[in-house]
Protein backbone atom coordinates (compact mmCIF):
# COMPACT_ATOMS: atom_id res chain seq x y z
CA GLN A 1 -6.40 -10.99 -2.92
CA VAL A 2 -9.65 -10.83 -4.85
CA GLN A 3 -10.88 -7.44 -5.96
CA LEU A 4 -13.93 -6.44 -7.98
CA VAL A 5 -13.82 -2.73 -8.74
CA GLU A 6 -16.87 -1.05 -10.25
CA SER A 7 -16.75 2.20 -12.19
CA GLY A 8 -18.96 4.28 -14.46
CA GLY A 9 -21.80 5.16 -12.13
CA GLY A 10 -23.18 8.62 -11.48
CA LEU A 11 -26.10 10.92 -12.06
CA VAL A 12 -28.01 10.76 -15.33
CA GLN A 13 -31.29 12.17 -16.57
CA PRO A 14 -34.24 9.91 -17.38
CA GLY A 15 -33.80 8.42 -20.83
CA GLY A 16 -30.03 8.67 -20.59
CA SER A 17 -27.36 6.00 -20.67
CA LEU A 18 -24.52 4.78 -18.49
CA ARG A 19 -21.95 2.06 -18.90
CA LEU A 20 -20.80 0.29 -15.77
CA SER A 21 -17.52 -1.60 -15.70
CA CYS A 22 -16.23 -4.14 -13.19
CA ALA A 23 -12.55 -4.97 -13.27
CA ALA A 24 -11.65 -8.21 -11.53
CA SER A 25 -8.32 -9.30 -10.13
CA GLY A 26 -7.17 -12.29 -8.11
CA ILE A 27 -9.56 -14.76 -9.77
CA ALA A 28 -9.52 -16.97 -12.85
CA PHE A 29 -11.99 -14.60 -14.46
CA SER A 30 -12.91 -16.62 -17.53
CA PHE A 31 -14.24 -19.46 -15.36
CA TYR A 32 -16.60 -17.26 -13.35
CA THR A 33 -20.21 -16.32 -13.87
CA MET A 34 -20.25 -12.53 -13.63
CA GLY A 35 -23.32 -10.63 -12.58
CA TRP A 36 -24.69 -7.20 -11.85
CA TYR A 37 -27.06 -6.74 -8.93
CA ARG A 38 -28.65 -3.63 -7.53
CA GLN A 39 -30.12 -2.49 -4.25
CA ALA A 40 -32.42 0.48 -3.92
CA PRO A 41 -33.08 2.11 -0.54
CA GLY A 42 -35.41 -0.01 1.54
CA LYS A 43 -35.38 -2.87 -0.94
CA GLN A 44 -33.60 -6.19 -1.23
CA ARG A 45 -30.65 -6.69 -3.52
CA GLU A 46 -31.83 -8.05 -6.86
CA LEU A 47 -30.24 -9.55 -9.94
CA VAL A 48 -30.03 -7.25 -12.94
CA ALA A 49 -28.08 -9.42 -15.38
CA ARG A 50 -25.49 -12.18 -15.42
CA ILE A 51 -23.25 -13.84 -17.95
CA THR A 52 -21.75 -17.28 -17.55
CA SER A 53 -18.29 -18.44 -18.51
CA GLY A 54 -19.87 -19.77 -21.69
CA SER A 55 -21.54 -16.39 -22.33
CA THR A 56 -25.07 -17.53 -21.54
CA ILE A 57 -26.94 -14.42 -20.43
CA ASP A 58 -29.90 -13.84 -18.13
CA TYR A 59 -31.68 -10.54 -17.55
CA ALA A 60 -34.21 -9.43 -15.00
CA ASP A 61 -37.50 -8.50 -16.63
CA SER A 62 -36.85 -4.88 -15.70
CA ALA A 63 -33.59 -4.91 -17.67
CA LYS A 64 -34.69 -6.70 -20.81
CA GLY A 65 -34.50 -4.54 -23.92
CA ARG A 66 -32.69 -1.70 -22.13
CA PHE A 67 -29.56 -3.20 -20.54
CA THR A 68 -26.79 -5.26 -22.12
CA ILE A 69 -24.23 -7.27 -20.19
CA SER A 70 -20.96 -8.29 -21.79
CA ARG A 71 -17.55 -9.54 -20.75
CA ASP A 72 -13.98 -9.22 -21.98
CA ASN A 73 -11.97 -12.13 -20.64
CA ALA A 74 -8.73 -10.62 -21.94
CA LYS A 75 -9.32 -7.57 -19.72
CA ASN A 76 -10.92 -9.45 -16.80
CA THR A 77 -13.79 -7.01 -17.06
CA VAL A 78 -17.57 -7.24 -17.21
CA TYR A 79 -19.75 -4.41 -18.48
CA LEU A 80 -23.33 -3.31 -18.11
CA GLN A 81 -24.59 -0.94 -20.77
CA MET A 82 -27.73 0.75 -19.48
CA ASN A 83 -29.94 2.67 -21.90
CA SER A 84 -33.31 4.37 -21.53
CA LEU A 85 -32.71 4.77 -17.83
CA LYS A 86 -35.66 5.38 -15.55
CA PRO A 87 -35.85 6.87 -12.05
CA GLU A 88 -36.68 3.39 -10.75
CA ASP A 89 -33.24 2.24 -11.90
CA THR A 90 -31.74 4.37 -9.14
CA ALA A 91 -29.79 2.07 -6.84
CA VAL A 92 -26.37 0.95 -5.75
CA TYR A 93 -25.11 -1.49 -8.38
CA TYR A 94 -22.88 -4.36 -7.33
CA CYS A 95 -20.62 -6.59 -9.35
CA ASN A 96 -20.64 -10.29 -8.46
CA ALA A 97 -18.38 -13.19 -9.38
CA VAL A 98 -19.42 -16.79 -8.79
CA ARG A 99 -17.75 -20.11 -9.46
CA ILE A 100 -20.20 -22.68 -8.16
CA ALA A 101 -17.99 -25.74 -8.67
CA TYR A 102 -15.44 -24.25 -6.29
CA ASN A 103 -17.97 -22.66 -3.92
CA ARG A 104 -16.52 -19.23 -4.55
CA ALA A 105 -18.44 -15.96 -4.58
CA TYR A 106 -17.23 -12.38 -4.42
CA TRP A 107 -18.80 -8.92 -4.40
CA GLY A 108 -17.61 -5.50 -5.40
CA GLN A 109 -18.03 -2.52 -3.11
CA GLY A 110 -20.93 -1.12 -5.12
CA ILE A 111 -21.42 2.03 -7.16
CA GLN A 112 -24.25 4.54 -7.07
CA VAL A 113 -26.46 5.11 -10.09
CA THR A 114 -28.97 7.93 -9.78
CA VAL A 115 -31.54 8.65 -12.47
CA SER A 116 -33.13 12.03 -11.90
CA SER A 117 -33.99 15.23 -13.68
C-alpha cells in the first residue's frame, strides 16, 4: 500500500518560515521524482517544486529564491523549506511521487499552509 504523508503545515505570519515533510512508504522512493504542488481556493493545482531521482530540481517562478526542495532517500522523505512566506502562498500543499517509466503516480492527502497576520 502506497502512502505519502505530509506534515509541517500550519499558520505562519508573513515573512515567516515553514518546513514541510512528506514521508513515503510502499514505493521504491529513490527511483521516483518527488514534487510539491499547491492548490489555493478557487485556483488550479500548480507545481511548486520537484526533484528527480538524480536530484535535478525545478521550481515555479513564485518559489525561486524562497523555497528549497530536498530529499533524503535513506528516510524515504522529501522536504520543502519555505522562507519569506507571503499571504499568496496560502494553499493546501500536496506531495507527489511519479515514476514515468512505470506509469506510476501518487498523491498525498494534502496539508494546509496559511500565511496571515
